[in-house]
Every structure is written in structure tokens, then in C-alpha cells.
N, C-alpha and C. Protein backbone atom coordinates (compact mmCIF):
# COMPACT_ATOMS: atom_id res chain seq x y z
N MET A 1 -20.17 -17.42 30.30
CA MET A 1 -19.59 -17.32 29.35
C MET A 1 -18.03 -15.78 30.26
N HIS A 2 -16.85 -15.98 30.12
CA HIS A 2 -16.28 -14.85 31.05
C HIS A 2 -15.52 -14.73 30.28
N ALA A 3 -14.22 -13.39 29.74
CA ALA A 3 -14.11 -12.44 30.28
C ALA A 3 -12.73 -11.92 30.34
N SER A 4 -11.66 -11.70 30.33
CA SER A 4 -10.87 -11.26 31.54
C SER A 4 -11.31 -9.12 31.08
N ARG A 5 -10.50 -9.16 32.18
CA ARG A 5 -11.14 -7.54 32.11
C ARG A 5 -10.48 -6.44 30.79
N SER A 6 -8.71 -6.90 30.22
CA SER A 6 -8.82 -6.48 29.25
C SER A 6 -9.41 -7.16 27.92
N ALA A 7 -10.08 -8.14 27.28
CA ALA A 7 -10.57 -8.73 27.06
C ALA A 7 -11.87 -7.41 26.57
N ASN A 8 -12.44 -7.43 27.40
CA ASN A 8 -13.66 -6.70 27.38
C ASN A 8 -13.36 -5.41 27.58
N GLY A 9 -12.06 -4.70 27.84
CA GLY A 9 -11.61 -3.34 27.69
C GLY A 9 -11.56 -3.75 26.25
N VAL A 10 -10.89 -3.99 25.45
CA VAL A 10 -10.69 -4.01 23.48
C VAL A 10 -12.36 -4.36 23.41
N ALA A 11 -13.09 -5.03 23.51
CA ALA A 11 -14.84 -5.38 23.08
C ALA A 11 -15.31 -3.71 23.14
N HIS A 12 -15.32 -3.39 24.33
CA HIS A 12 -15.10 -1.80 24.60
C HIS A 12 -15.14 -0.39 24.24
N LEU A 13 -13.59 -1.08 23.32
CA LEU A 13 -13.22 0.55 23.17
C LEU A 13 -13.74 0.25 21.52
N LEU A 14 -13.58 -1.36 20.83
CA LEU A 14 -14.15 -0.92 19.38
C LEU A 14 -15.18 -0.69 19.32
N THR A 15 -16.52 -1.49 20.62
CA THR A 15 -18.06 -0.54 20.15
C THR A 15 -17.64 0.60 20.26
N THR A 16 -17.69 1.61 21.14
CA THR A 16 -17.87 2.75 21.01
C THR A 16 -17.13 3.19 20.26
N GLU A 17 -15.79 3.19 19.55
CA GLU A 17 -15.48 4.09 18.78
C GLU A 17 -15.50 3.42 17.55
N GLY A 18 -16.43 2.37 17.07
CA GLY A 18 -17.54 1.84 15.67
C GLY A 18 -18.73 2.38 16.01
N ILE A 19 -19.38 2.99 16.57
CA ILE A 19 -20.19 3.75 17.14
C ILE A 19 -20.22 5.65 16.65
N LYS A 20 -19.19 6.14 17.45
CA LYS A 20 -18.98 7.51 17.13
C LYS A 20 -18.61 7.38 15.59
N ARG A 21 -17.83 6.57 14.98
CA ARG A 21 -16.74 6.43 13.46
C ARG A 21 -18.32 5.94 12.67
N MET A 22 -19.84 6.00 12.80
CA MET A 22 -20.23 5.08 11.99
C MET A 22 -20.52 3.70 11.10
N GLU A 23 -19.09 3.28 12.20
CA GLU A 23 -18.53 2.11 10.69
C GLU A 23 -18.85 0.90 12.19
N GLN A 24 -18.92 -0.15 11.12
CA GLN A 24 -18.44 -1.44 11.66
C GLN A 24 -16.36 -2.49 11.61
N THR A 25 -16.88 -2.96 12.32
CA THR A 25 -14.82 -3.47 12.85
C THR A 25 -14.97 -5.06 12.18
N TYR A 26 -14.63 -5.21 12.21
CA TYR A 26 -14.21 -7.05 11.43
C TYR A 26 -12.60 -6.73 12.01
N LEU A 27 -11.99 -8.35 13.34
CA LEU A 27 -10.94 -8.42 12.47
C LEU A 27 -10.89 -9.13 12.37
N MET A 28 -10.37 -9.10 10.96
CA MET A 28 -9.79 -10.12 10.14
C MET A 28 -9.09 -10.33 9.54
N ASN A 29 -8.25 -9.02 9.01
CA ASN A 29 -7.10 -9.03 9.27
C ASN A 29 -6.22 -8.18 10.07
N GLY A 30 -6.16 -8.31 11.39
CA GLY A 30 -5.55 -7.58 12.48
C GLY A 30 -6.31 -6.27 13.05
N VAL A 31 -6.20 -5.90 14.05
CA VAL A 31 -6.80 -4.81 14.86
C VAL A 31 -6.69 -3.68 14.56
N PRO A 32 -7.69 -2.63 14.48
CA PRO A 32 -7.47 -1.09 13.59
C PRO A 32 -6.39 -0.97 14.99
N SER A 33 -5.89 0.15 14.40
CA SER A 33 -4.62 1.48 14.85
C SER A 33 -5.11 2.34 16.15
N PHE A 34 -6.21 2.21 16.15
CA PHE A 34 -7.08 3.14 17.53
C PHE A 34 -7.08 1.54 18.75
N ALA A 35 -7.49 0.35 18.46
CA ALA A 35 -7.34 -0.08 19.66
C ALA A 35 -6.09 -0.95 19.82
N ASN A 36 -4.68 -0.39 18.94
CA ASN A 36 -3.30 -0.88 18.63
C ASN A 36 -2.52 -0.78 20.36
N ALA A 37 -3.37 0.52 20.97
CA ALA A 37 -2.47 1.13 21.96
C ALA A 37 -2.60 -0.29 23.26
N VAL A 38 -4.24 -0.84 23.46
CA VAL A 38 -5.12 -1.31 24.19
C VAL A 38 -4.60 -2.60 23.86
N VAL A 39 -4.15 -3.95 23.21
CA VAL A 39 -3.64 -4.41 22.69
C VAL A 39 -2.46 -5.49 22.84
């Protein structure tokens, strides 16, 4: 499987922020506010 560099960056951001905040992220209703600048 291949993901573009920008998509990988968003995945990395979601993961690291989720770990910092001790929460899980589900993208059912859009992108979290901290990821909007990257998307």
C-alpha cells in the first residue's frame, strides 16, 4: 500500500496528537481542528 507524503503527515499528526491528548480520533464528521491546517 502507498500513501502520499501529505496523507502520511496527516496520519502522523492525528496519531501523535491522539497520544498526547490520550484520546482516539474518528473522522466520521470531519477533521479535528488541530489537523485543519495540514489538510
